[in-house]
Protein backbone atom coordinates (compact mmCIF):
# COMPACT_ATOMS: atom_id res chain seq x y z
CA MET A 1 136.45 233.94 86.10
CA LYS A 2 137.82 232.07 89.09
CA ILE A 3 139.77 228.99 88.02
CA ASN A 4 140.11 226.17 90.53
CA PHE A 5 142.79 223.49 90.70
CA THR A 6 140.64 220.96 88.86
CA ILE A 7 140.54 223.17 85.76
CA ILE A 8 144.33 223.62 85.90
CA LEU A 9 144.75 219.83 86.02
CA ILE A 10 142.44 219.40 83.05
CA LEU A 11 144.36 221.96 81.00
CA LEU A 12 147.63 220.22 81.84
CA PHE A 13 146.14 216.87 80.85
CA LEU A 14 144.81 218.18 77.57
CA THR A 15 148.21 219.67 76.77
CA LYS A 16 149.77 216.25 77.24
CA ALA A 17 147.02 214.55 75.28
CA ILE A 18 147.52 216.82 72.28
CA TYR A 19 151.19 215.92 71.94
CA SER A 20 151.56 212.46 73.48
CA GLN A 21 148.92 210.63 75.41
CA GLN A 22 150.68 208.79 78.23
CA ASP A 23 150.46 205.09 78.99
CA TYR A 24 149.42 203.99 82.43
CA LEU A 25 151.56 205.32 85.27
CA MET A 26 152.42 202.90 88.06
CA SER A 27 155.46 202.83 90.31
CA TYR A 28 155.83 199.10 90.95
CA LYS A 29 155.80 197.35 87.58
CA LEU A 30 157.68 194.07 88.06
CA GLU A 31 154.65 191.95 88.94
CA ASN A 32 152.65 193.37 86.01
CA LEU A 33 155.14 194.21 83.26
CA SER A 34 152.85 192.74 80.60
CA LEU A 35 151.04 196.10 80.62
CA LEU A 36 154.18 197.65 79.12
CA ASN A 37 155.45 194.64 77.21
CA PRO A 38 153.01 191.92 76.04
CA ALA A 39 155.91 189.48 75.65
CA TYR A 40 156.45 189.44 79.41
CA LYS A 41 155.42 186.01 80.70
CA PRO A 42 153.62 185.42 84.00
CA LEU A 43 156.14 184.94 86.80
CA HIS A 44 154.51 181.70 87.91
CA ASP A 45 152.75 178.61 86.61
CA ARG A 46 149.24 179.54 87.72
CA GLN A 47 146.46 181.84 86.62
CA SER A 48 146.71 185.24 88.30
CA TYR A 49 144.62 188.32 88.95
CA ILE A 50 146.24 191.69 89.69
CA PHE A 51 144.47 194.73 91.13
CA GLN A 52 146.26 198.10 91.32
CA HIS A 53 145.25 201.57 92.44
CA ARG A 54 147.29 204.79 92.30
CA SER A 55 146.38 208.20 93.69
CA GLN A 56 148.52 211.23 92.80
CA TRP A 57 148.72 214.68 94.40
CA ILE A 58 146.63 213.66 97.39
CA GLY A 59 144.65 216.54 98.86
CA PHE A 60 143.88 218.37 95.60
CA ASP A 61 140.41 218.43 94.05
CA GLY A 62 140.32 216.47 90.79
CA ALA A 63 143.75 214.88 91.32
CA PRO A 64 144.67 211.97 89.00
CA THR A 65 143.76 208.39 89.93
CA THR A 66 144.49 205.15 88.11
CA ASP A 67 142.80 201.77 88.59
CA LEU A 68 143.53 198.55 86.75
CA VAL A 69 142.57 194.89 86.77
CA SER A 70 144.53 192.30 84.82
CA TYR A 71 144.34 188.56 84.30
CA ASN A 72 147.18 186.39 83.02
CA SER A 73 147.44 182.68 82.30
CA LYS A 74 149.31 180.04 80.37
CA THR A 75 147.53 177.72 77.98
CA MET A 76 147.68 173.95 77.49
CA PHE A 77 150.62 174.74 75.19
CA LYS A 78 153.59 175.69 77.39
CA SER A 79 154.95 178.13 74.81
CA ILE A 80 151.75 180.23 74.63
CA ALA A 81 150.35 182.61 77.27
CA TYR A 82 147.58 185.21 77.25
CA GLY A 83 145.98 187.88 79.39
CA VAL A 84 143.54 190.79 79.47
CA SER A 85 143.69 194.18 81.23
CA LEU A 86 141.19 196.93 82.07
CA ILE A 87 142.62 200.36 82.94
CA SER A 88 140.91 203.54 84.09
CA ASP A 89 142.77 206.90 84.25
CA LYS A 90 140.83 209.83 85.71
CA ILE A 91 141.79 213.47 86.16
CA GLY A 92 139.20 216.07 87.01
CA TYR A 93 136.29 215.66 84.58
CA ILE A 94 138.24 213.59 82.05
CA ASN A 95 138.25 209.79 81.98
CA ASN A 96 140.58 207.64 79.89
CA TYR A 97 139.76 203.92 79.65
CA LYS A 98 141.84 201.17 78.06
CA ILE A 99 140.91 197.59 77.28
CA HIS A 100 143.53 195.30 75.77
CA GLY A 101 144.69 191.71 75.56
CA ASN A 102 148.14 190.13 75.69
CA PHE A 103 149.27 187.17 73.61
CA SER A 104 152.81 185.77 73.80
CA TYR A 105 154.79 182.96 72.19
CA GLN A 106 157.97 181.58 73.76
CA ILE A 107 161.01 180.06 72.07
CA LYS A 108 163.62 178.18 74.09
CA LEU A 109 167.16 179.09 73.02
CA LYS A 110 169.14 176.93 75.44
CA SER A 111 168.95 175.73 79.02
CA ARG A 112 167.12 178.40 81.08
CA HIS A 113 167.43 180.97 78.29
CA LYS A 114 164.30 181.94 76.37
CA ILE A 115 162.99 184.62 74.04
CA VAL A 116 159.32 185.63 73.92
CA PHE A 117 157.32 187.58 71.31
CA GLY A 118 154.12 189.36 72.29
CA LEU A 119 151.17 191.20 70.75
CA LYS A 120 148.78 193.62 72.49
CA PRO A 121 145.51 194.47 70.65
CA GLY A 122 142.99 196.77 72.29
CA ILE A 123 140.99 200.00 72.34
CA ASN A 124 141.34 203.38 74.09
CA ILE A 125 138.27 205.36 75.18
CA LEU A 126 138.63 209.04 76.11
CA SER A 127 135.62 210.71 77.71
CA ASN A 128 135.22 214.27 79.01
CA ASN A 129 132.39 216.19 80.62
CA LEU A 130 133.59 219.80 80.82
CA ALA A 131 130.02 221.06 80.97
CA SER A 132 129.71 219.71 84.51
CA ILE A 133 132.48 221.99 85.87
CA LYS A 134 131.15 224.50 88.40
CA LEU A 135 132.15 227.98 87.20
CA THR A 136 131.76 231.42 88.69
CA ASN A 137 130.57 232.46 85.24
CA PRO A 138 128.14 229.74 84.07
CA ASN A 139 127.89 231.36 80.60
CA ASP A 140 131.59 230.91 79.77
CA ALA A 141 131.46 229.53 76.21
CA SER A 142 134.80 227.72 76.64
CA TYR A 143 133.22 225.17 78.98
CA ILE A 144 129.65 224.91 77.65
CA VAL A 145 130.18 221.68 75.74
CA ASP A 146 128.40 218.37 75.67
CA LYS A 147 129.98 215.24 77.06
CA LYS A 148 132.24 213.77 74.39
CA THR A 149 133.63 210.26 73.97
CA VAL A 150 136.34 209.26 71.48
CA LEU A 151 137.20 205.61 70.78
CA THR A 152 140.45 204.61 69.06
CA PRO A 153 141.94 201.18 68.26
CA ASN A 154 145.40 200.25 69.43
CA VAL A 155 148.05 197.57 68.86
CA GLY A 156 151.28 196.99 70.77
CA PHE A 157 154.26 194.69 70.21
CA GLY A 158 157.05 193.41 72.44
CA ILE A 159 160.04 191.11 72.62
CA PHE A 160 161.55 189.71 75.82
CA TYR A 161 164.73 187.76 76.53
CA TYR A 162 165.32 186.20 79.91
CA SER A 163 167.26 183.67 81.91
CA VAL A 164 166.67 182.64 85.53
CA LYS A 165 168.30 185.73 87.00
CA LYS A 166 168.43 188.37 84.25
CA TYR A 167 166.00 189.77 81.71
CA VAL A 168 165.72 192.49 79.09
CA GLY A 169 162.85 193.52 76.83
CA PHE A 170 161.79 196.10 74.26
CA SER A 171 158.26 197.12 73.32
CA ALA A 172 156.15 199.66 71.42
CA THR A 173 152.72 200.11 72.97
CA ASN A 174 150.92 202.28 70.37
CA ILE A 175 151.80 201.07 66.88
CA ILE A 176 148.52 202.48 65.55
CA ALA A 177 148.83 206.19 66.35
CA ARG A 178 145.97 208.68 66.04
CA LYS A 179 147.46 211.85 64.57
CA LYS A 180 144.51 214.26 64.71
CA GLY A 181 142.13 215.62 67.33
CA VAL A 182 142.42 216.03 71.09
CA ASN A 183 142.83 212.31 71.71
CA GLN A 184 146.11 212.04 69.86
CA ILE A 185 148.22 208.99 70.68
CA GLN A 186 151.98 208.90 70.25
CA ASN A 187 153.87 205.63 70.14
CA HIS A 188 155.63 204.83 73.42
CA TYR A 189 158.81 202.76 73.44
CA TYR A 190 160.03 200.89 76.51
CA LEU A 191 163.39 199.32 77.28
CA ILE A 192 163.07 197.11 80.36
CA GLY A 193 165.85 195.32 82.22
CA GLY A 194 166.52 193.73 85.57
CA ALA A 195 168.41 191.07 87.49
CA THR A 196 168.60 189.16 90.75
CA TYR A 197 171.69 189.00 92.95
CA ARG A 198 172.24 186.89 96.03
CA LEU A 199 173.65 188.74 99.02
CA ASN A 200 176.57 186.94 100.67
CA PHE A 201 175.55 183.73 98.88
CA ASP A 202 172.36 183.65 100.93
CA GLU A 203 169.27 183.00 98.79
CA ARG A 204 167.07 184.29 101.60
CA LYS A 205 168.42 187.78 100.92
CA MET A 206 168.14 188.90 97.29
CA PHE A 207 168.76 192.23 95.56
CA GLU A 208 166.40 192.77 92.61
CA PRO A 209 167.08 196.00 90.64
CA GLU A 210 164.66 196.86 87.84
CA GLY A 211 164.80 199.67 85.29
CA VAL A 212 162.22 200.97 82.81
CA LEU A 213 163.39 203.47 80.16
CA ARG A 214 160.57 205.24 78.28
CA PHE A 215 160.92 207.04 74.91
CA THR A 216 158.15 209.21 73.44
CA LYS A 217 158.31 211.66 70.54
CA GLY A 218 158.13 215.24 71.79
CA SER A 219 158.84 214.27 75.43
CA PRO A 220 162.06 213.83 77.43
CA ILE A 221 163.41 210.33 78.02
CA GLU A 222 162.18 209.04 81.38
CA LEU A 223 163.79 206.43 83.64
CA ASP A 224 162.12 204.54 86.49
CA LEU A 225 164.31 202.57 88.89
CA ASN A 226 163.09 200.09 91.50
CA LEU A 227 165.92 198.97 93.79
CA ASN A 228 164.24 196.22 95.78
CA PHE A 229 165.42 193.67 98.30
CA LYS A 230 163.54 190.41 98.80
CA LEU A 231 163.92 188.73 102.17
CA GLU A 232 162.96 185.20 103.22
CA TYR A 233 161.50 184.66 99.73
CA LYS A 234 158.41 186.79 100.43
CA TYR A 235 159.13 190.20 101.99
CA ILE A 236 159.93 193.18 99.74
CA VAL A 237 161.49 196.50 100.69
CA GLY A 238 163.04 198.91 98.24
CA LEU A 239 163.73 202.37 96.91
CA LEU A 240 161.91 204.01 94.00
CA ILE A 241 163.72 206.66 91.92
CA LYS A 242 162.37 208.51 88.86
CA THR A 243 164.02 211.08 86.65
CA GLY A 244 162.54 214.53 87.12
CA GLY A 245 162.85 214.57 90.88
CA ASP A 246 160.64 211.75 92.21
CA ILE A 247 161.66 209.41 95.01
CA GLY A 248 159.79 206.85 97.07
CA ILE A 249 159.68 203.48 98.80
CA ASN A 250 158.28 200.02 98.01
CA LEU A 251 156.96 197.64 100.68
CA GLY A 252 155.40 194.24 100.11
CA ALA A 253 154.80 190.72 101.35
CA GLU A 254 153.53 187.39 100.09
CA VAL A 255 150.76 186.18 102.39
CA LEU A 256 148.50 183.12 102.65
CA ASN A 257 150.45 181.36 99.84
CA ASN A 258 148.18 182.87 97.17
CA PHE A 259 148.23 186.62 97.84
CA THR A 260 150.91 189.27 97.39
CA VAL A 261 150.35 192.80 98.71
CA LEU A 262 152.55 195.73 97.62
CA TYR A 263 152.51 199.39 98.65
CA SER A 264 154.47 202.26 97.08
CA PHE A 265 154.81 205.84 98.26
CA GLY A 266 156.31 208.52 96.04
CA TYR A 267 157.17 212.17 96.60
CA SER A 268 158.09 214.84 94.05
CA TYR A 269 160.66 217.21 95.55
CA SER A 270 161.27 219.17 92.33
CA THR A 271 157.73 220.49 91.73
CA LYS A 272 157.83 224.22 91.12
CA THR A 273 154.15 225.12 90.75
CA PHE A 274 152.80 223.71 94.01
CA VAL A 275 153.92 221.67 97.01
CA ASN A 276 152.82 218.04 96.85
CA GLU A 277 152.56 217.60 100.62
CA TYR A 278 150.77 214.25 100.67
CA GLY A 279 152.65 212.50 97.88
CA ASN A 280 151.55 209.67 95.59
CA HIS A 281 150.16 206.40 96.95
CA GLU A 282 149.86 203.06 95.18
CA ILE A 283 148.66 199.65 96.29
CA MET A 284 148.71 196.33 94.42
CA LEU A 285 147.12 192.98 95.22
CA ARG A 286 148.02 189.84 93.28
CA TYR A 287 146.03 186.63 93.64
CA LEU A 288 147.26 183.27 92.34
CA VAL A 289 144.43 180.86 91.57
CA PRO A 290 144.95 177.56 93.44
CA GLY A 291 145.33 174.55 91.21
CA LEU A 292 148.71 173.81 89.71
CA THR A 293 151.24 172.81 92.37
CA ILE A 294 155.02 173.01 92.15
CA ASN A 295 157.47 170.60 93.76
CA LYS A 296 158.65 172.48 96.85
CA ASN A 297 161.98 170.70 96.79
CA LYS A 298 162.88 172.28 93.45
CA ARG A 299 163.80 175.83 92.61
CA ARG A 300 161.05 177.74 90.84
CA THR A 301 162.01 179.23 87.47
CA ARG A 302 160.96 182.89 87.47
CA ILE A 303 161.99 185.81 85.29
CA GLY A 304 164.79 187.61 87.07
CA LYS A 305 164.07 185.82 90.31
CA GLY A 306 165.56 182.41 91.04
CA ASN A 307 163.29 182.12 94.07
CA LYS A 308 162.67 178.98 95.96
CA VAL A 309 159.09 177.96 96.67
CA GLY A 310 158.32 177.33 100.30
């Protein structure tokens, strides 16, 4: 039987799913860290919508794609925030959907130092349709199966400590783990940290390093680094580095006062099985709902930022 690249991708995905189903994979996480840690507060005082799309291994049939939409907001109580996220991971003929909420409670420790606790309830939905794969041998019993959907509950927890220019957080995203079947879910642990540094005492030029360390049973420890510079309060340019041989760039800008657009390109130079000529592409759009205004003469308090509005 002739096996195409789509089938190879599916087999690789199933192998991962059996031992440790992965959380969502995005390169630029700073604007949407609540997906990894529900204790992460919105970076602003307004309601926000975030749209992200990621395409991996461009040029290959059945290559992975990820889409997500998230909404975050504070409540009438300043110490409480909430949000909801919809995520779709697709690879070949397998779809993995996630729906979850975020609830956080903030405690002020001292001036500009706070600690936040968060909870992430939700569900995971894994769906496959192997019977729709086009085979050279249509009678192959390994692929003559009906479409199957598996639904599993999920709960995550996080804690976050931050000041104006530094932050650190820890989270577990799959406290309820499904131990049997193809749709097994291992608990993922994340250690997140970052800071903001002024360059030559000029607030219009800021260096904003961010690191995400991921621990999963049965998998190697993974580290994502975003080494970004923010210029004139709104332009972003940076370097993306991942353990395992991935490197890339981040580009972004705040436009029209309410929109932020970010683009990331990644390339895997250590792949042994095939050459990823077209790389991985990711785009993010954040929209801040008009309404609450902030005094432009005052510095805005943002996690790891210290940015000035204007």
